[in-house]
Amino acid sequence: MTMRRIRTIGDPVLRTPCEPIAVVDDRVRRLVDDLLETVDQEGRAGLSANQIGVGLRAFSWNIGSEIGYVINPRLVEVSEDDQDGPEGCLSVPGLWYPTRRALYARVVGADLDGNEVVVEGAGLMGRCLQHETDHLDGRLYLDRLDRATHGEAMRALRARL
């Protein structure tokens, strides 16, 4: 297992949709180990494979006392009820903006043995599941901001350059 470097905004891997994992081999097992180790830090709720430079559909989470992963996740359900709260991203360090998400989300995928995995939750877990599946589709949370907030975020990013 290796703690991996987080790719940040501007890296094209973050804007490229990830490929499904067709075969679980040693490379995929190492990827999952690295995702679990890298997400297991204070203040980290989730981590997608492309955030560590790997264009495959997998992510890990660290919510409350639960750390886990899912391979080839598909967002299959979100609630009509929503939440609007501050959201940040390891790939957009130091910036937090109010982001509207569904309150509840459910993801279906697989584990390393090919067994179906269902991950669901409300609040922070629901937000995490949506955030990480967005990453795997090549989207950042900044893409979900309203127009005025998006402009503010872009100005803040330019000021850092």
N, C-alpha and C. Protein backbone atom coordinates (compact mmCIF):
# COMPACT_ATOMS: atom_id res chain seq x y z
N MET A 1 0.85 -1.19 0.00
CA MET A 1 0.00 0.00 0.00
C MET A 1 0.88 1.24 0.00
N THR A 2 0.39 2.24 -0.71
CA THR A 2 1.16 3.47 -0.85
C THR A 2 0.24 4.66 -0.71
N MET A 3 0.69 5.65 0.05
CA MET A 3 -0.01 6.93 0.11
C MET A 3 0.29 7.64 -1.20
N ARG A 4 -0.74 7.95 -1.97
CA ARG A 4 -0.53 8.53 -3.30
C ARG A 4 -0.73 10.03 -3.30
N ARG A 5 -0.05 10.70 -4.23
CA ARG A 5 -0.18 12.15 -4.42
C ARG A 5 -1.53 12.45 -5.05
N ILE A 6 -2.19 13.49 -4.56
CA ILE A 6 -3.49 13.91 -5.07
C ILE A 6 -3.28 14.84 -6.26
N ARG A 7 -3.91 14.53 -7.38
CA ARG A 7 -3.86 15.40 -8.56
C ARG A 7 -4.80 16.57 -8.32
N THR A 8 -4.39 17.76 -8.77
CA THR A 8 -5.19 18.96 -8.53
C THR A 8 -5.72 19.54 -9.84
N ILE A 9 -6.68 20.43 -9.67
CA ILE A 9 -7.35 21.05 -10.80
C ILE A 9 -6.33 21.56 -11.81
N GLY A 10 -6.62 21.33 -13.07
CA GLY A 10 -5.70 21.64 -14.14
C GLY A 10 -5.08 20.38 -14.72
N ASP A 11 -5.03 19.30 -13.93
CA ASP A 11 -4.52 18.03 -14.43
C ASP A 11 -5.62 17.40 -15.30
N PRO A 12 -5.32 17.09 -16.56
CA PRO A 12 -6.36 16.57 -17.46
C PRO A 12 -7.00 15.25 -17.01
N VAL A 13 -6.33 14.48 -16.17
CA VAL A 13 -6.91 13.21 -15.72
C VAL A 13 -8.22 13.46 -14.95
N LEU A 14 -8.35 14.63 -14.33
CA LEU A 14 -9.56 14.94 -13.57
C LEU A 14 -10.77 15.23 -14.46
N ARG A 15 -10.52 15.58 -15.71
CA ARG A 15 -11.60 15.92 -16.65
C ARG A 15 -11.85 14.81 -17.66
N THR A 16 -11.20 13.67 -17.48
CA THR A 16 -11.35 12.55 -18.39
C THR A 16 -12.20 11.46 -17.74
N PRO A 17 -13.32 11.07 -18.37
CA PRO A 17 -14.12 9.98 -17.79
C PRO A 17 -13.27 8.72 -17.63
N CYS A 18 -13.47 8.04 -16.53
CA CYS A 18 -12.71 6.84 -16.21
C CYS A 18 -13.29 5.62 -16.91
N GLU A 19 -12.40 4.68 -17.22
CA GLU A 19 -12.78 3.43 -17.88
C GLU A 19 -13.25 2.40 -16.84
N PRO A 20 -14.24 1.60 -17.21
CA PRO A 20 -14.65 0.52 -16.31
C PRO A 20 -13.49 -0.47 -16.10
N ILE A 21 -13.50 -1.10 -14.95
CA ILE A 21 -12.51 -2.13 -14.64
C ILE A 21 -13.06 -3.45 -15.16
N ALA A 22 -12.39 -4.03 -16.16
CA ALA A 22 -12.87 -5.26 -16.79
C ALA A 22 -12.38 -6.51 -16.06
N VAL A 23 -11.14 -6.45 -15.56
CA VAL A 23 -10.53 -7.60 -14.91
C VAL A 23 -9.88 -7.13 -13.61
N VAL A 24 -10.15 -7.85 -12.54
CA VAL A 24 -9.48 -7.55 -11.27
C VAL A 24 -8.19 -8.35 -11.24
N ASP A 25 -7.08 -7.62 -11.35
CA ASP A 25 -5.76 -8.24 -11.32
C ASP A 25 -4.94 -7.58 -10.21
N ASP A 26 -3.66 -7.88 -10.16
CA ASP A 26 -2.81 -7.32 -9.10
C ASP A 26 -2.76 -5.79 -9.17
N ARG A 27 -2.80 -5.24 -10.38
CA ARG A 27 -2.79 -3.77 -10.53
C ARG A 27 -4.02 -3.15 -9.88
N VAL A 28 -5.17 -3.76 -10.09
CA VAL A 28 -6.41 -3.24 -9.50
C VAL A 28 -6.40 -3.44 -7.99
N ARG A 29 -5.89 -4.54 -7.53
CA ARG A 29 -5.80 -4.76 -6.08
C ARG A 29 -4.90 -3.71 -5.42
N ARG A 30 -3.77 -3.39 -6.08
CA ARG A 30 -2.88 -2.33 -5.56
C ARG A 30 -3.58 -0.98 -5.59
N LEU A 31 -4.34 -0.72 -6.65
CA LEU A 31 -5.10 0.53 -6.74
C LEU A 31 -6.05 0.66 -5.56
N VAL A 32 -6.80 -0.39 -5.27
CA VAL A 32 -7.75 -0.34 -4.15
C VAL A 32 -7.00 -0.14 -2.84
N ASP A 33 -5.91 -0.84 -2.64
CA ASP A 33 -5.11 -0.65 -1.42
C ASP A 33 -4.65 0.81 -1.30
N ASP A 34 -4.17 1.37 -2.42
CA ASP A 34 -3.70 2.76 -2.41
C ASP A 34 -4.85 3.73 -2.15
N LEU A 35 -6.02 3.48 -2.73
CA LEU A 35 -7.19 4.33 -2.47
C LEU A 35 -7.56 4.31 -0.99
N LEU A 36 -7.54 3.12 -0.40
CA LEU A 36 -7.89 3.00 1.03
C LEU A 36 -6.86 3.68 1.92
N GLU A 37 -5.59 3.51 1.61
CA GLU A 37 -4.56 4.15 2.44
C GLU A 37 -4.59 5.67 2.28
N THR A 38 -4.78 6.13 1.06
CA THR A 38 -4.72 7.57 0.80
C THR A 38 -5.93 8.29 1.38
N VAL A 39 -7.10 7.65 1.41
CA VAL A 39 -8.29 8.29 1.97
C VAL A 39 -8.29 8.26 3.50
N ASP A 40 -7.48 7.39 4.08
CA ASP A 40 -7.47 7.20 5.54
C ASP A 40 -6.65 8.28 6.24
N GLN A 41 -7.09 9.52 6.07
CA GLN A 41 -6.45 10.68 6.69
C GLN A 41 -7.54 11.60 7.22
N GLU A 42 -7.23 12.31 8.26
CA GLU A 42 -8.16 13.27 8.84
C GLU A 42 -8.64 14.25 7.78
N GLY A 43 -9.95 14.46 7.71
CA GLY A 43 -10.52 15.44 6.80
C GLY A 43 -10.77 14.94 5.39
N ARG A 44 -10.52 13.67 5.14
CA ARG A 44 -10.77 13.11 3.80
C ARG A 44 -12.01 12.24 3.84
N ALA A 45 -13.02 12.62 3.04
CA ALA A 45 -14.27 11.87 3.00
C ALA A 45 -14.31 10.87 1.86
N GLY A 46 -13.67 11.18 0.74
CA GLY A 46 -13.71 10.28 -0.40
C GLY A 46 -12.55 10.55 -1.33
N LEU A 47 -12.26 9.57 -2.19
CA LEU A 47 -11.14 9.69 -3.12
C LEU A 47 -11.41 8.80 -4.33
N SER A 48 -11.38 9.39 -5.51
CA SER A 48 -11.58 8.62 -6.73
C SER A 48 -10.22 8.26 -7.34
N ALA A 49 -10.22 7.21 -8.16
CA ALA A 49 -8.97 6.74 -8.76
C ALA A 49 -8.30 7.81 -9.60
N ASN A 50 -9.08 8.60 -10.34
CA ASN A 50 -8.43 9.61 -11.17
C ASN A 50 -7.79 10.72 -10.34
N GLN A 51 -8.21 10.89 -9.09
CA GLN A 51 -7.55 11.87 -8.24
C GLN A 51 -6.14 11.47 -7.87
N ILE A 52 -5.83 10.19 -8.05
CA ILE A 52 -4.45 9.74 -7.84
C ILE A 52 -3.81 9.33 -9.17
N GLY A 53 -4.41 9.80 -10.27
CA GLY A 53 -3.81 9.65 -11.58
C GLY A 53 -4.13 8.37 -12.33
N VAL A 54 -5.13 7.62 -11.86
CA VAL A 54 -5.49 6.36 -12.50
C VAL A 54 -6.89 6.49 -13.11
N GLY A 55 -7.00 6.29 -14.40
CA GLY A 55 -8.27 6.49 -15.10
C GLY A 55 -9.19 5.30 -15.09
N LEU A 56 -9.37 4.68 -13.93
CA LEU A 56 -10.27 3.53 -13.78
C LEU A 56 -11.39 3.85 -12.81
N ARG A 57 -12.55 3.21 -13.00
CA ARG A 57 -13.74 3.49 -12.19
C ARG A 57 -13.67 2.78 -10.84
N ALA A 58 -13.15 3.49 -9.85
CA ALA A 58 -13.10 3.00 -8.47
C ALA A 58 -12.96 4.20 -7.56
N PHE A 59 -13.56 4.11 -6.38
CA PHE A 59 -13.32 5.13 -5.37
C PHE A 59 -13.38 4.53 -3.99
N SER A 60 -12.84 5.28 -3.04
CA SER A 60 -12.88 4.90 -1.63
C SER A 60 -13.58 6.00 -0.85
N TRP A 61 -14.02 5.66 0.36
CA TRP A 61 -14.62 6.66 1.24
C TRP A 61 -14.15 6.47 2.66
N ASN A 62 -14.29 7.54 3.43
CA ASN A 62 -13.89 7.57 4.84
C ASN A 62 -14.90 8.47 5.55
N ILE A 63 -16.03 7.89 5.92
CA ILE A 63 -17.13 8.63 6.53
C ILE A 63 -17.39 8.07 7.92
N GLY A 64 -17.32 8.93 8.92
CA GLY A 64 -17.52 8.46 10.29
C GLY A 64 -16.42 7.48 10.63
N SER A 65 -16.81 6.29 11.02
CA SER A 65 -15.82 5.27 11.36
C SER A 65 -15.72 4.20 10.27
N GLU A 66 -16.28 4.46 9.10
CA GLU A 66 -16.28 3.47 8.03
C GLU A 66 -15.39 3.90 6.87
N ILE A 67 -14.48 3.03 6.50
CA ILE A 67 -13.65 3.22 5.32
C ILE A 67 -13.96 2.06 4.39
N GLY A 68 -14.18 2.37 3.12
CA GLY A 68 -14.51 1.32 2.16
C GLY A 68 -14.17 1.74 0.74
N TYR A 69 -14.53 0.88 -0.19
CA TYR A 69 -14.26 1.13 -1.60
C TYR A 69 -15.35 0.49 -2.44
N VAL A 70 -15.42 0.89 -3.68
CA VAL A 70 -16.32 0.26 -4.64
C VAL A 70 -15.67 0.36 -6.02
N ILE A 71 -15.80 -0.72 -6.78
CA ILE A 71 -15.29 -0.80 -8.15
C ILE A 71 -16.48 -0.65 -9.10
N ASN A 72 -16.27 0.07 -10.19
CA ASN A 72 -17.30 0.28 -11.22
C ASN A 72 -18.63 0.77 -10.64
N PRO A 73 -18.57 1.80 -9.79
CA PRO A 73 -19.81 2.29 -9.18
C PRO A 73 -20.72 2.96 -10.21
N ARG A 74 -22.02 2.76 -10.01
CA ARG A 74 -23.05 3.44 -10.79
C ARG A 74 -23.99 4.09 -9.80
N LEU A 75 -24.24 5.37 -9.99
CA LEU A 75 -25.20 6.08 -9.15
C LEU A 75 -26.58 5.67 -9.65
N VAL A 76 -27.31 4.91 -8.83
CA VAL A 76 -28.59 4.34 -9.28
C VAL A 76 -29.81 5.02 -8.68
N GLU A 77 -29.60 5.78 -7.61
CA GLU A 77 -30.74 6.44 -6.99
C GLU A 77 -30.28 7.67 -6.21
N VAL A 78 -31.05 8.74 -6.34
CA VAL A 78 -30.89 9.92 -5.49
C VAL A 78 -32.27 10.36 -5.06
N SER A 79 -32.34 10.98 -3.91
CA SER A 79 -33.63 11.44 -3.38
C SER A 79 -34.05 12.73 -4.06
N GLU A 80 -35.35 13.00 -3.98
CA GLU A 80 -35.85 14.30 -4.44
C GLU A 80 -35.49 15.38 -3.43
N ASP A 81 -35.41 15.00 -2.15
CA ASP A 81 -34.99 15.95 -1.12
C ASP A 81 -33.52 16.27 -1.35
N ASP A 82 -33.17 17.53 -1.13
CA ASP A 82 -31.78 17.89 -1.37
C ASP A 82 -31.15 18.53 -0.15
N GLN A 83 -29.86 18.74 -0.26
CA GLN A 83 -29.07 19.41 0.77
C GLN A 83 -28.23 20.47 0.07
N ASP A 84 -28.03 21.56 0.73
CA ASP A 84 -27.20 22.63 0.18
C ASP A 84 -26.25 23.04 1.28
N GLY A 85 -25.00 22.65 1.12
CA GLY A 85 -24.03 22.95 2.15
C GLY A 85 -22.65 23.08 1.55
N PRO A 86 -21.68 23.42 2.38
CA PRO A 86 -20.33 23.61 1.88
C PRO A 86 -19.73 22.29 1.39
N GLU A 87 -19.08 22.36 0.25
CA GLU A 87 -18.41 21.18 -0.31
C GLU A 87 -17.01 21.61 -0.73
N GLY A 88 -16.07 20.72 -0.51
CA GLY A 88 -14.70 20.94 -0.93
C GLY A 88 -14.21 19.73 -1.67
N CYS A 89 -12.95 19.76 -2.06
CA CYS A 89 -12.39 18.66 -2.85
C CYS A 89 -10.88 18.64 -2.66
N LEU A 90 -10.34 17.45 -2.48
CA LEU A 90 -8.89 17.31 -2.35
C LEU A 90 -8.18 17.82 -3.61
N SER A 91 -8.85 17.76 -4.75
CA SER A 91 -8.25 18.21 -6.00
C SER A 91 -8.44 19.70 -6.25
N VAL A 92 -9.17 20.36 -5.37
CA VAL A 92 -9.35 21.82 -5.41
C VAL A 92 -9.07 22.30 -3.98
N PRO A 93 -7.82 22.18 -3.54
CA PRO A 93 -7.51 22.38 -2.12
C PRO A 93 -7.81 23.79 -1.62
N GLY A 94 -8.37 23.80 -0.41
CA GLY A 94 -8.58 25.06 0.29
C GLY A 94 -9.80 25.85 -0.09
N LEU A 95 -10.57 25.39 -1.05
CA LEU A 95 -11.77 26.12 -1.47
C LEU A 95 -13.02 25.30 -1.14
N TRP A 96 -13.95 25.95 -0.48
CA TRP A 96 -15.22 25.33 -0.10
C TRP A 96 -16.34 26.24 -0.57
N TYR A 97 -17.34 25.68 -1.24
CA TYR A 97 -18.46 26.46 -1.74
C TYR A 97 -19.77 25.72 -1.52
N PRO A 98 -20.86 26.48 -1.30
CA PRO A 98 -22.17 25.83 -1.14
C PRO A 98 -22.54 25.10 -2.44
N THR A 99 -22.85 23.82 -2.29
CA THR A 99 -23.13 22.97 -3.44
C THR A 99 -24.40 22.17 -3.17
N ARG A 100 -25.36 22.27 -4.08
CA ARG A 100 -26.62 21.54 -3.93
C ARG A 100 -26.42 20.11 -4.43
N ARG A 101 -26.82 19.17 -3.58
CA ARG A 101 -26.78 17.73 -3.89
C ARG A 101 -28.06 17.10 -3.38
N ALA A 102 -28.38 15.93 -3.89
CA ALA A 102 -29.47 15.16 -3.32
C ALA A 102 -29.09 14.79 -1.88
N LEU A 103 -30.07 14.73 -1.00
CA LEU A 103 -29.81 14.39 0.39
C LEU A 103 -29.33 12.94 0.52
N TYR A 104 -29.92 12.05 -0.27
CA TYR A 104 -29.64 10.61 -0.20
C TYR A 104 -29.16 10.13 -1.57
N ALA A 105 -28.23 9.19 -1.56
CA ALA A 105 -27.77 8.58 -2.81
C ALA A 105 -27.46 7.10 -2.57
N ARG A 106 -27.60 6.34 -3.66
CA ARG A 106 -27.26 4.92 -3.62
C ARG A 106 -26.42 4.59 -4.85
N VAL A 107 -25.31 3.87 -4.60
CA VAL A 107 -24.38 3.45 -5.63
C VAL A 107 -24.33 1.93 -5.63
N VAL A 108 -24.27 1.34 -6.82
CA VAL A 108 -24.10 -0.11 -6.95
C VAL A 108 -22.82 -0.35 -7.74
N GLY A 109 -22.02 -1.28 -7.26
CA GLY A 109 -20.78 -1.62 -7.93
C GLY A 109 -20.35 -3.01 -7.50
N ALA A 110 -19.04 -3.21 -7.38
CA ALA A 110 -18.51 -4.53 -7.04
C ALA A 110 -17.33 -4.39 -6.09
N ASP A 111 -17.00 -5.52 -5.45
CA ASP A 111 -15.78 -5.58 -4.66
C ASP A 111 -14.71 -6.31 -5.46
N LEU A 112 -13.56 -6.54 -4.86
CA LEU A 112 -12.44 -7.18 -5.56
C LEU A 112 -12.73 -8.63 -5.96
N ASP A 113 -13.71 -9.25 -5.31
CA ASP A 113 -14.08 -10.62 -5.64
C ASP A 113 -15.21 -10.70 -6.65
N GLY A 114 -15.67 -9.56 -7.13
CA GLY A 114 -16.75 -9.54 -8.10
C GLY A 114 -18.14 -9.57 -7.50
N ASN A 115 -18.23 -9.52 -6.18
CA ASN A 115 -19.53 -9.50 -5.52
C ASN A 115 -20.16 -8.12 -5.63
N GLU A 116 -21.48 -8.09 -5.79
CA GLU A 116 -22.17 -6.80 -5.86
C GLU A 116 -22.05 -6.07 -4.52
N VAL A 117 -21.81 -4.78 -4.62
CA VAL A 117 -21.71 -3.92 -3.45
C VAL A 117 -22.74 -2.81 -3.62
N VAL A 118 -23.52 -2.57 -2.58
CA VAL A 118 -24.45 -1.45 -2.56
C VAL A 118 -24.00 -0.52 -1.44
N VAL A 119 -23.76 0.73 -1.79
CA VAL A 119 -23.35 1.73 -0.81
C VAL A 119 -24.39 2.83 -0.87
N GLU A 120 -24.92 3.21 0.29
CA GLU A 120 -25.95 4.24 0.31
C GLU A 120 -25.83 5.05 1.57
N GLY A 121 -26.42 6.22 1.51
CA GLY A 121 -26.42 7.05 2.69
C GLY A 121 -26.99 8.42 2.42
N ALA A 122 -27.25 9.11 3.51
CA ALA A 122 -27.78 10.47 3.45
C ALA A 122 -26.75 11.41 4.04
N GLY A 123 -26.99 12.69 3.88
CA GLY A 123 -26.08 13.68 4.44
C GLY A 123 -24.71 13.60 3.81
N LEU A 124 -23.68 13.52 4.65
CA LEU A 124 -22.30 13.50 4.15
C LEU A 124 -22.04 12.29 3.26
N MET A 125 -22.55 11.13 3.61
CA MET A 125 -22.34 9.94 2.78
C MET A 125 -23.02 10.12 1.42
N GLY A 126 -24.23 10.64 1.40
CA GLY A 126 -24.91 10.89 0.14
C GLY A 126 -24.14 11.88 -0.72
N ARG A 127 -23.64 12.92 -0.10
CA ARG A 127 -22.82 13.91 -0.81
C ARG A 127 -21.55 13.26 -1.37
N CYS A 128 -20.89 12.45 -0.58
CA CYS A 128 -19.65 11.78 -0.99
C CYS A 128 -19.90 10.87 -2.20
N LEU A 129 -20.95 10.08 -2.16
CA LEU A 129 -21.23 9.15 -3.26
C LEU A 129 -21.45 9.91 -4.57
N GLN A 130 -22.16 11.02 -4.50
CA GLN A 130 -22.39 11.83 -5.70
C GLN A 130 -21.11 12.51 -6.16
N HIS A 131 -20.35 13.03 -5.22
CA HIS A 131 -19.09 13.73 -5.53
C HIS A 131 -18.11 12.78 -6.23
N GLU A 132 -17.95 11.59 -5.68
CA GLU A 132 -16.95 10.66 -6.23
C GLU A 132 -17.40 10.09 -7.57
N THR A 133 -18.69 9.80 -7.76
CA THR A 133 -19.12 9.33 -9.08
C THR A 133 -18.98 10.45 -10.10
N ASP A 134 -19.20 11.70 -9.70
CA ASP A 134 -18.92 12.82 -10.61
C ASP A 134 -17.46 12.79 -11.05
N HIS A 135 -16.54 12.60 -10.10
CA HIS A 135 -15.12 12.54 -10.45
C HIS A 135 -14.87 11.48 -11.52
N LEU A 136 -15.45 10.31 -11.34
CA LEU A 136 -15.21 9.22 -12.28
C LEU A 136 -15.78 9.52 -13.66
N ASP A 137 -16.73 10.45 -13.72
CA ASP A 137 -17.30 10.90 -14.99
C ASP A 137 -16.58 12.13 -15.55
N GLY A 138 -15.50 12.55 -14.88
CA GLY A 138 -14.71 13.69 -15.35
C GLY A 138 -15.26 15.04 -14.93
N ARG A 139 -16.06 15.07 -13.86
CA ARG A 139 -16.64 16.32 -13.38
C ARG A 139 -16.08 16.68 -12.01
N LEU A 140 -15.98 17.97 -11.75
CA LEU A 140 -15.60 18.48 -10.44
C LEU A 140 -16.81 19.13 -9.78
N TYR A 141 -16.79 19.24 -8.47
CA TYR A 141 -17.93 19.86 -7.80
C TYR A 141 -18.14 21.30 -8.26
N LEU A 142 -17.07 21.95 -8.71
CA LEU A 142 -17.18 23.32 -9.20
C LEU A 142 -18.18 23.43 -10.36
N ASP A 143 -18.32 22.34 -11.12
CA ASP A 143 -19.25 22.32 -12.26
C ASP A 143 -20.70 22.41 -11.80
N ARG A 144 -20.97 22.12 -10.56
CA ARG A 144 -22.34 22.13 -10.03
C ARG A 144 -22.72 23.44 -9.34
N LEU A 145 -21.78 24.36 -9.25
CA LEU A 145 -22.05 25.62 -8.56
C LEU A 145 -22.96 26.51 -9.41
N ASP A 146 -23.76 27.34 -8.71
CA ASP A 146 -24.56 28.31 -9.46
C ASP A 146 -23.61 29.30 -10.13
N ARG A 147 -24.11 30.05 -11.08
CA ARG A 147 -23.28 30.90 -11.93
C ARG A 147 -22.43 31.89 -11.13
N ALA A 148 -23.04 32.57 -10.16
CA ALA A 148 -22.29 33.58 -9.39
C ALA A 148 -21.20 32.92 -8.54
N THR A 149 -21.53 31.81 -7.90
CA THR A 149 -20.56 31.12 -7.05
C THR A 149 -19.44 30.52 -7.91
N HIS A 150 -19.80 30.02 -9.08
CA HIS A 150 -18.78 29.47 -9.98
C HIS A 150 -17.78 30.57 -10.38
N GLY A 151 -18.30 31.76 -10.68
CA GLY A 151 -17.42 32.88 -11.02
C GLY A 151 -16.50 33.23 -9.87
N GLU A 152 -17.03 33.23 -8.66
CA GLU A 152 -16.22 33.50 -7.47
C GLU A 152 -15.12 32.45 -7.32
N ALA A 153 -15.48 31.18 -7.54
CA ALA A 153 -14.50 30.09 -7.42
C ALA A 153 -13.39 30.23 -8.47
N MET A 154 -13.76 30.58 -9.69
CA MET A 154 -12.75 30.74 -10.75
C MET A 154 -11.81 31.91 -10.45
N ARG A 155 -12.35 32.99 -9.89
CA ARG A 155 -11.48 34.10 -9.49
C ARG A 155 -10.52 33.69 -8.39
N ALA A 156 -11.02 32.90 -7.43
CA ALA A 156 -10.16 32.43 -6.35
C ALA A 156 -9.06 31.51 -6.89
N LEU A 157 -9.41 30.66 -7.84
CA LEU A 157 -8.40 29.78 -8.44
C LEU A 157 -7.35 30.57 -9.20
N ARG A 158 -7.77 31.56 -9.99
CA ARG A 158 -6.82 32.38 -10.75
C ARG A 158 -5.90 33.16 -9.81
N ALA A 159 -6.42 33.59 -8.68
CA ALA A 159 -5.62 34.35 -7.72
C ALA A 159 -4.50 33.49 -7.13
N ARG A 160 -4.68 32.18 -7.13
CA ARG A 160 -3.68 31.27 -6.58
C ARG A 160 -2.55 30.99 -7.56
N LEU A 161 -2.78 31.27 -8.83
CA LEU A 161 -1.76 30.96 -9.86
C LEU A 161 -0.65 31.97 -9.87
